[in-house]
Amino acid sequence: MLERIRKDSLVETAIESLRKAIETGGWSIGDRLPVESELSDALGVSRNTVREAVRVLVHAGMLETRQGDGTYVRATRDAGETLRRIARTQLADQLEVRIMLETEAAKLAASRRTEQDLRNMTSALDARARAGDDLRNRIRHDEEFHHALVVASHNPALVELYDYISQAVSETIEQTETNADLPEPSQEDHELLLAAVRRQDESKAESLARALLKPSLQALKRQGAGA
């Protein structure tokens, strides 16, 4: 189940071997890991190396150490590693996920938004407009608007998921703003979306949110690049 590892980068390789074993079903959630001496023999490293690898995976949330009882599998995915894998996916893939999340968020926001939500979205869009040719600030305020839109959905799970992939979201925003081959969503496009949310027009908000990013996705697919 576990692969013996080379002497270089021992802790990192031990972490990867343990992570791989958990992700591929070697151990399930709730299972107790073998004791340190057994893991040390299986991996071909010292017990100190095993102890450090386990400590890192406990910090990552995959493992849980119970005093006097042992170490148990808490999750089958390392959140940090998942984010790194998302970052390595193609831009088209990231855009598809972003479209899915933001169209549903826009629909929910139209029915659930508060006056404070509207003020937050309006403030972000006004700042985006004032940024003009200041690309860095325009991107920052664009991100603030989309985050405020998702928050206005008042769905905590959706907000957490969106925040979880925020780095990928930032990347897609930067690419659509800086890549001349990708259609850039205009200030007017954003204002129309806000207006639909303000009117509580769920169907229109959903379609406008999709329309913001769909041209860029279609351009990527036509290019066949995806990144």
C-alpha atoms as a PDB file:
ATOM      1  CA  MET A   1       0.000   0.000   0.000  1.00  0.00           C
ATOM      2  CA  LEU A   2       2.847   2.390   0.843  1.00  0.00           C
ATOM      3  CA  GLU A   3       5.828   2.955  -1.439  1.00  0.00           C
ATOM      4  CA  ARG A   4       9.344   2.967  -0.015  1.00  0.00           C
ATOM      5  CA  ILE A   5      10.984   6.320  -0.617  1.00  0.00           C
ATOM      6  CA  ARG A   6      14.414   7.718  -1.443  1.00  0.00           C
ATOM      7  CA  LYS A   7      16.581   9.482   1.105  1.00  0.00           C
ATOM      8  CA  ASP A   8      16.231  12.918  -0.532  1.00  0.00           C
ATOM      9  CA  SER A   9      13.408  15.172   0.637  1.00  0.00           C
ATOM     10  CA  LEU A  10      12.359  12.511   3.108  1.00  0.00           C
ATOM     11  CA  VAL A  11       9.621  14.391   4.925  1.00  0.00           C
ATOM     12  CA  GLU A  12       8.029  15.757   1.739  1.00  0.00           C
ATOM     13  CA  THR A  13       8.108  12.350   0.098  1.00  0.00           C
ATOM     14  CA  ALA A  14       6.681  10.706   3.232  1.00  0.00           C
ATOM     15  CA  ILE A  15       3.872  13.264   3.243  1.00  0.00           C
ATOM     16  CA  GLU A  16       3.098  12.546  -0.405  1.00  0.00           C
ATOM     17  CA  SER A  17       3.163   8.777   0.157  1.00  0.00           C
ATOM     18  CA  LEU A  18       0.794   9.003   3.124  1.00  0.00           C
ATOM     19  CA  ARG A  19      -1.466  11.449   1.286  1.00  0.00           C
ATOM     20  CA  LYS A  20      -1.600   9.204  -1.768  1.00  0.00           C
ATOM     21  CA  ALA A  21      -2.457   6.164   0.358  1.00  0.00           C
ATOM     22  CA  ILE A  22      -5.350   8.038   1.979  1.00  0.00           C
ATOM     23  CA  GLU A  23      -6.647   9.541  -1.271  1.00  0.00           C
ATOM     24  CA  THR A  24      -6.605   6.201  -3.077  1.00  0.00           C
ATOM     25  CA  GLY A  25      -8.530   4.407  -0.339  1.00  0.00           C
ATOM     26  CA  GLY A  26      -5.680   2.719   1.502  1.00  0.00           C
ATOM     27  CA  TRP A  27      -7.312   4.043   4.634  1.00  0.00           C
ATOM     28  CA  SER A  28     -10.857   5.366   4.964  1.00  0.00           C
ATOM     29  CA  ILE A  29     -12.212   8.177   7.097  1.00  0.00           C
ATOM     30  CA  GLY A  30     -12.228   7.005  10.709  1.00  0.00           C
ATOM     31  CA  ASP A  31      -9.498   4.387  10.209  1.00  0.00           C
ATOM     32  CA  ARG A  32      -6.562   4.376  12.601  1.00  0.00           C
ATOM     33  CA  LEU A  33      -3.122   4.509  11.014  1.00  0.00           C
ATOM     34  CA  PRO A  34      -0.499   1.900  11.943  1.00  0.00           C
ATOM     35  CA  VAL A  35       1.827   2.888  14.763  1.00  0.00           C
ATOM     36  CA  GLU A  36       4.950   4.939  14.019  1.00  0.00           C
ATOM     37  CA  SER A  37       7.293   1.940  13.961  1.00  0.00           C
ATOM     38  CA  GLU A  38       5.156   0.161  11.349  1.00  0.00           C
ATOM     39  CA  LEU A  39       4.900   3.271   9.167  1.00  0.00           C
ATOM     40  CA  SER A  40       8.641   3.791   9.515  1.00  0.00           C
ATOM     41  CA  ASP A  41       9.355   0.249   8.306  1.00  0.00           C
ATOM     42  CA  ALA A  42       6.831   0.500   5.454  1.00  0.00           C
ATOM     43  CA  LEU A  43       8.236   3.786   4.182  1.00  0.00           C
ATOM     44  CA  GLY A  44      11.894   3.038   4.887  1.00  0.00           C
ATOM     45  CA  VAL A  45      12.438   6.230   6.883  1.00  0.00           C
ATOM     46  CA  SER A  46      13.059   7.132  10.500  1.00  0.00           C
ATOM     47  CA  ARG A  47      10.281   7.467  13.052  1.00  0.00           C
ATOM     48  CA  ASN A  48      11.130  11.175  13.352  1.00  0.00           C
ATOM     49  CA  THR A  49      10.440  11.598   9.635  1.00  0.00           C
ATOM     50  CA  VAL A  50       7.115   9.771   9.997  1.00  0.00           C
ATOM     51  CA  ARG A  51       6.229  11.899  13.010  1.00  0.00           C
ATOM     52  CA  GLU A  52       6.889  15.122  11.073  1.00  0.00           C
ATOM     53  CA  ALA A  53       4.913  13.931   8.036  1.00  0.00           C
ATOM     54  CA  VAL A  54       1.966  13.017  10.246  1.00  0.00           C
ATOM     55  CA  ARG A  55       2.180  16.408  11.973  1.00  0.00           C
ATOM     56  CA  VAL A  56       1.930  18.194   8.606  1.00  0.00           C
ATOM     57  CA  LEU A  57      -1.095  16.137   7.537  1.00  0.00           C
ATOM     58  CA  VAL A  58      -2.762  16.781  10.900  1.00  0.00           C
ATOM     59  CA  HIS A  59      -2.282  20.500  10.288  1.00  0.00           C
ATOM     60  CA  ALA A  60      -3.722  20.067   6.775  1.00  0.00           C
ATOM     61  CA  GLY A  61      -6.832  18.447   8.244  1.00  0.00           C
ATOM     62  CA  MET A  62      -6.365  14.984   6.744  1.00  0.00           C
ATOM     63  CA  LEU A  63      -5.333  13.313   9.986  1.00  0.00           C
ATOM     64  CA  GLU A  64      -6.319  13.661  13.630  1.00  0.00           C
ATOM     65  CA  THR A  65      -4.129  12.661  16.571  1.00  0.00           C
ATOM     66  CA  ARG A  66      -5.994  11.441  19.648  1.00  0.00           C
ATOM     67  CA  GLN A  67      -3.904  11.551  22.789  1.00  0.00           C
ATOM     68  CA  GLY A  68      -3.157   8.045  24.017  1.00  0.00           C
ATOM     69  CA  ASP A  69      -5.188   6.444  21.243  1.00  0.00           C
ATOM     70  CA  GLY A  70      -3.421   6.975  17.923  1.00  0.00           C
ATOM     71  CA  THR A  71      -3.758   8.830  14.626  1.00  0.00           C
ATOM     72  CA  TYR A  72      -6.971   8.635  12.612  1.00  0.00           C
ATOM     73  CA  VAL A  73      -7.987   9.618   9.076  1.00  0.00           C
ATOM     74  CA  ARG A  74     -10.153  12.721   9.232  1.00  0.00           C
ATOM     75  CA  ALA A  75     -10.489  13.591   5.523  1.00  0.00           C
ATOM     76  CA  THR A  76      -9.489  12.025   2.210  1.00  0.00           C
ATOM     77  CA  ARG A  77      -8.413  15.304   0.629  1.00  0.00           C
ATOM     78  CA  ASP A  78      -5.714  17.815   1.557  1.00  0.00           C
ATOM     79  CA  ALA A  79      -7.312  21.248   1.099  1.00  0.00           C
ATOM     80  CA  GLY A  80      -4.008  22.898   0.250  1.00  0.00           C
ATOM     81  CA  GLU A  81      -3.125  20.279  -2.333  1.00  0.00           C
ATOM     82  CA  THR A  82      -6.609  20.572  -3.836  1.00  0.00           C
ATOM     83  CA  LEU A  83      -6.084  24.307  -4.313  1.00  0.00           C
ATOM     84  CA  ARG A  84      -2.746  23.660  -6.006  1.00  0.00           C
ATOM     85  CA  ARG A  85      -4.408  21.177  -8.347  1.00  0.00           C
ATOM     86  CA  ILE A  86      -7.135  23.691  -9.186  1.00  0.00           C
ATOM     87  CA  ALA A  87      -4.456  26.271  -9.951  1.00  0.00           C
ATOM     88  CA  ARG A  88      -2.885  23.845 -12.432  1.00  0.00           C
ATOM     89  CA  THR A  89      -6.110  23.311 -14.378  1.00  0.00           C
ATOM     90  CA  GLN A  90      -6.779  25.133 -17.628  1.00  0.00           C
ATOM     91  CA  LEU A  91      -8.354  28.576 -17.607  1.00  0.00           C
ATOM     92  CA  ALA A  92     -11.404  27.268 -19.482  1.00  0.00           C
ATOM     93  CA  ASP A  93     -12.029  24.725 -16.726  1.00  0.00           C
ATOM     94  CA  GLN A  94     -11.782  27.419 -14.068  1.00  0.00           C
ATOM     95  CA  LEU A  95     -14.149  29.668 -16.009  1.00  0.00           C
ATOM     96  CA  GLU A  96     -16.725  26.900 -16.291  1.00  0.00           C
ATOM     97  CA  VAL A  97     -16.696  26.411 -12.519  1.00  0.00           C
ATOM     98  CA  ARG A  98     -16.853  30.140 -11.898  1.00  0.00           C
ATOM     99  CA  ILE A  99     -19.850  30.470 -14.235  1.00  0.00           C
ATOM    100  CA  MET A 100     -21.659  27.675 -12.400  1.00  0.00           C
ATOM    101  CA  LEU A 101     -21.095  29.280  -9.000  1.00  0.00           C
ATOM    102  CA  GLU A 102     -21.786  32.881  -9.990  1.00  0.00           C
ATOM    103  CA  THR A 103     -24.946  32.226 -11.994  1.00  0.00           C
ATOM    104  CA  GLU A 104     -26.499  30.388  -9.060  1.00  0.00           C
ATOM    105  CA  ALA A 105     -25.238  33.079  -6.684  1.00  0.00           C
ATOM    106  CA  ALA A 106     -26.811  35.804  -8.828  1.00  0.00           C
ATOM    107  CA  LYS A 107     -30.140  33.985  -8.886  1.00  0.00           C
ATOM    108  CA  LEU A 108     -30.132  33.571  -5.108  1.00  0.00           C
ATOM    109  CA  ALA A 109     -28.919  37.127  -4.551  1.00  0.00           C
ATOM    110  CA  ALA A 110     -31.844  38.498  -6.554  1.00  0.00           C
ATOM    111  CA  SER A 111     -34.284  36.874  -4.146  1.00  0.00           C
ATOM    112  CA  ARG A 112     -32.350  37.318  -0.896  1.00  0.00           C
ATOM    113  CA  ARG A 113     -30.280  40.512  -1.184  1.00  0.00           C
ATOM    114  CA  THR A 114     -30.506  43.103   1.564  1.00  0.00           C
ATOM    115  CA  GLU A 115     -30.058  46.834   1.316  1.00  0.00           C
ATOM    116  CA  GLN A 116     -26.569  46.405   2.754  1.00  0.00           C
ATOM    117  CA  ASP A 117     -25.760  43.855   0.047  1.00  0.00           C
ATOM    118  CA  LEU A 118     -26.853  46.361  -2.594  1.00  0.00           C
ATOM    119  CA  ARG A 119     -24.703  49.058  -1.030  1.00  0.00           C
ATOM    120  CA  ASN A 120     -21.686  46.735  -1.002  1.00  0.00           C
ATOM    121  CA  MET A 121     -22.113  45.764  -4.650  1.00  0.00           C
ATOM    122  CA  THR A 122     -22.761  49.358  -5.706  1.00  0.00           C
ATOM    123  CA  SER A 123     -19.694  50.599  -3.837  1.00  0.00           C
ATOM    124  CA  ALA A 124     -17.486  47.988  -5.514  1.00  0.00           C
ATOM    125  CA  LEU A 125     -18.827  48.794  -8.989  1.00  0.00           C
ATOM    126  CA  ASP A 126     -18.466  52.538  -8.476  1.00  0.00           C
ATOM    127  CA  ALA A 127     -14.851  51.978  -7.422  1.00  0.00           C
ATOM    128  CA  ARG A 128     -14.309  49.760 -10.451  1.00  0.00           C
ATOM    129  CA  ALA A 129     -15.543  52.534 -12.724  1.00  0.00           C
ATOM    130  CA  ARG A 130     -13.332  55.128 -11.022  1.00  0.00           C
ATOM    131  CA  ALA A 131     -10.287  52.908 -11.461  1.00  0.00           C
ATOM    132  CA  GLY A 132     -10.379  53.556 -15.208  1.00  0.00           C
ATOM    133  CA  ASP A 133      -7.097  52.466 -16.780  1.00  0.00           C
ATOM    134  CA  ASP A 134      -5.592  51.555 -13.403  1.00  0.00           C
ATOM    135  CA  LEU A 135      -5.676  47.833 -14.111  1.00  0.00           C
ATOM    136  CA  ARG A 136      -4.635  46.610 -10.687  1.00  0.00           C
ATOM    137  CA  ASN A 137      -7.337  48.589  -8.911  1.00  0.00           C
ATOM    138  CA  ARG A 138      -9.963  47.714 -11.513  1.00  0.00           C
ATOM    139  CA  ILE A 139      -9.261  44.021 -11.017  1.00  0.00           C
ATOM    140  CA  ARG A 140      -9.350  44.410  -7.223  1.00  0.00           C
ATOM    141  CA  HIS A 141     -12.737  46.143  -7.268  1.00  0.00           C
ATOM    142  CA  ASP A 142     -14.049  43.659  -9.831  1.00  0.00           C
ATOM    143  CA  GLU A 143     -13.186  40.872  -7.378  1.00  0.00           C
ATOM    144  CA  GLU A 144     -14.917  42.798  -4.587  1.00  0.00           C
ATOM    145  CA  PHE A 145     -18.094  43.074  -6.645  1.00  0.00           C
ATOM    146  CA  HIS A 146     -18.258  39.375  -7.473  1.00  0.00           C
ATOM    147  CA  HIS A 147     -17.517  38.424  -3.881  1.00  0.00           C
ATOM    148  CA  ALA A 148     -20.261  40.774  -2.666  1.00  0.00           C
ATOM    149  CA  LEU A 149     -22.644  39.190  -5.186  1.00  0.00           C
ATOM    150  CA  VAL A 150     -21.916  35.719  -3.822  1.00  0.00           C
ATOM    151  CA  VAL A 151     -22.266  36.930  -0.222  1.00  0.00           C
ATOM    152  CA  ALA A 152     -25.683  38.354  -1.175  1.00  0.00           C
ATOM    153  CA  SER A 153     -26.821  34.793  -1.945  1.00  0.00           C
ATOM    154  CA  HIS A 154     -26.898  34.265   1.837  1.00  0.00           C
ATOM    155  CA  ASN A 155     -25.874  30.659   1.310  1.00  0.00           C
ATOM    156  CA  PRO A 156     -22.929  30.021   3.666  1.00  0.00           C
ATOM    157  CA  ALA A 157     -21.875  26.848   1.857  1.00  0.00           C
ATOM    158  CA  LEU A 158     -21.748  28.663  -1.493  1.00  0.00           C
ATOM    159  CA  VAL A 159     -19.781  31.545   0.029  1.00  0.00           C
ATOM    160  CA  GLU A 160     -17.252  29.152   1.579  1.00  0.00           C
ATOM    161  CA  LEU A 161     -16.847  27.232  -1.685  1.00  0.00           C
ATOM    162  CA  TYR A 162     -16.377  30.464  -3.646  1.00  0.00           C
ATOM    163  CA  ASP A 163     -13.810  31.721  -1.135  1.00  0.00           C
ATOM    164  CA  TYR A 164     -12.071  28.352  -1.317  1.00  0.00           C
ATOM    165  CA  ILE A 165     -11.349  28.817  -5.040  1.00  0.00           C
ATOM    166  CA  SER A 166     -10.791  32.576  -4.768  1.00  0.00           C
ATOM    167  CA  GLN A 167      -7.285  32.313  -6.226  1.00  0.00           C
ATOM    168  CA  ALA A 168      -8.655  30.658  -9.352  1.00  0.00           C
ATOM    169  CA  VAL A 169     -11.381  33.317  -9.547  1.00  0.00           C
ATOM    170  CA  SER A 170      -8.738  36.059  -9.333  1.00  0.00           C
ATOM    171  CA  GLU A 171      -6.804  34.398 -12.135  1.00  0.00           C
ATOM    172  CA  THR A 172      -9.831  34.328 -14.441  1.00  0.00           C
ATOM    173  CA  ILE A 173     -10.596  37.987 -13.716  1.00  0.00           C
ATOM    174  CA  GLU A 174      -7.012  39.010 -14.428  1.00  0.00           C
ATOM    175  CA  GLN A 175      -6.931  37.032 -17.680  1.00  0.00           C
ATOM    176  CA  THR A 176     -10.198  38.498 -19.002  1.00  0.00           C
ATOM    177  CA  GLU A 177      -8.939  41.991 -18.150  1.00  0.00           C
ATOM    178  CA  THR A 178      -5.438  41.641 -19.602  1.00  0.00           C
ATOM    179  CA  ASN A 179      -5.677  39.108 -22.438  1.00  0.00           C
ATOM    180  CA  ALA A 180      -6.521  40.971 -25.637  1.00  0.00           C
ATOM    181  CA  ASP A 181      -7.890  37.762 -27.177  1.00  0.00           C
ATOM    182  CA  LEU A 182     -10.546  37.396 -24.471  1.00  0.00           C
ATOM    183  CA  PRO A 183     -13.684  39.577 -24.419  1.00  0.00           C
ATOM    184  CA  GLU A 184     -13.580  41.874 -21.394  1.00  0.00           C
ATOM    185  CA  PRO A 185     -16.855  42.187 -19.437  1.00  0.00           C
ATOM    186  CA  SER A 186     -17.714  45.890 -19.510  1.00  0.00           C
ATOM    187  CA  GLN A 187     -18.738  48.188 -16.695  1.00  0.00           C
ATOM    188  CA  GLU A 188     -22.201  48.315 -18.266  1.00  0.00           C
ATOM    189  CA  ASP A 189     -22.450  44.506 -18.189  1.00  0.00           C
ATOM    190  CA  HIS A 190     -21.783  44.581 -14.465  1.00  0.00           C
ATOM    191  CA  GLU A 191     -24.245  47.440 -13.896  1.00  0.00           C
ATOM    192  CA  LEU A 192     -26.994  45.546 -15.721  1.00  0.00           C
ATOM    193  CA  LEU A 193     -26.400  42.534 -13.485  1.00  0.00           C
ATOM    194  CA  LEU A 194     -26.614  44.683 -10.372  1.00  0.00           C
ATOM    195  CA  ALA A 195     -29.813  46.274 -11.669  1.00  0.00           C
ATOM    196  CA  ALA A 196     -31.406  42.838 -12.105  1.00  0.00           C
ATOM    197  CA  VAL A 197     -30.424  41.877  -8.556  1.00  0.00           C
ATOM    198  CA  ARG A 198     -31.827  45.168  -7.314  1.00  0.00           C
ATOM    199  CA  ARG A 199     -35.146  44.503  -9.111  1.00  0.00           C
ATOM    200  CA  GLN A 200     -35.145  40.955  -7.677  1.00  0.00           C
ATOM    201  CA  ASP A 201     -35.411  39.550 -11.193  1.00  0.00           C
ATOM    202  CA  GLU A 202     -33.953  36.088 -10.591  1.00  0.00           C
ATOM    203  CA  SER A 203     -34.102  34.863 -14.181  1.00  0.00           C
ATOM    204  CA  LYS A 204     -32.476  38.000 -15.601  1.00  0.00           C
ATOM    205  CA  ALA A 205     -29.774  38.065 -12.924  1.00  0.00           C
ATOM    206  CA  GLU A 206     -28.919  34.441 -13.664  1.00  0.00           C
ATOM    207  CA  SER A 207     -28.696  34.985 -17.431  1.00  0.00           C
ATOM    208  CA  LEU A 208     -26.678  38.209 -17.099  1.00  0.00           C
ATOM    209  CA  ALA A 209     -24.192  36.555 -14.730  1.00  0.00           C
ATOM    210  CA  ARG A 210     -23.663  33.809 -17.299  1.00  0.00           C
ATOM    211  CA  ALA A 211     -23.395  36.354 -20.114  1.00  0.00           C
ATOM    212  CA  LEU A 212     -20.520  38.115 -18.323  1.00  0.00           C
ATOM    213  CA  LEU A 213     -18.136  35.205 -18.747  1.00  0.00           C
ATOM    214  CA  LYS A 214     -19.565  33.040 -21.514  1.00  0.00           C
ATOM    215  CA  PRO A 215     -17.911  35.030 -24.370  1.00  0.00           C
ATOM    216  CA  SER A 216     -14.480  34.515 -22.792  1.00  0.00           C
ATOM    217  CA  LEU A 217     -15.142  30.812 -22.359  1.00  0.00           C
ATOM    218  CA  GLN A 218     -16.274  30.507 -25.975  1.00  0.00           C
ATOM    219  CA  ALA A 219     -13.159  32.395 -27.149  1.00  0.00           C
ATOM    220  CA  LEU A 220     -10.915  30.006 -25.226  1.00  0.00           C
ATOM    221  CA  LYS A 221     -12.635  27.005 -26.715  1.00  0.00           C
ATOM    222  CA  ARG A 222     -12.331  28.437 -30.218  1.00  0.00           C
ATOM    223  CA  GLN A 223      -8.622  28.961 -29.630  1.00  0.00           C
ATOM    224  CA  GLY A 224      -8.331  25.418 -28.392  1.00  0.00           C
ATOM    225  CA  ALA A 225      -5.865  26.694 -25.822  1.00  0.00           C
ATOM    226  CA  GLY A 226      -7.871  26.623 -22.617  1.00  0.00           C
ATOM    227  CA  ALA A 227      -5.222  28.619 -20.836  1.00  0.00           C
END
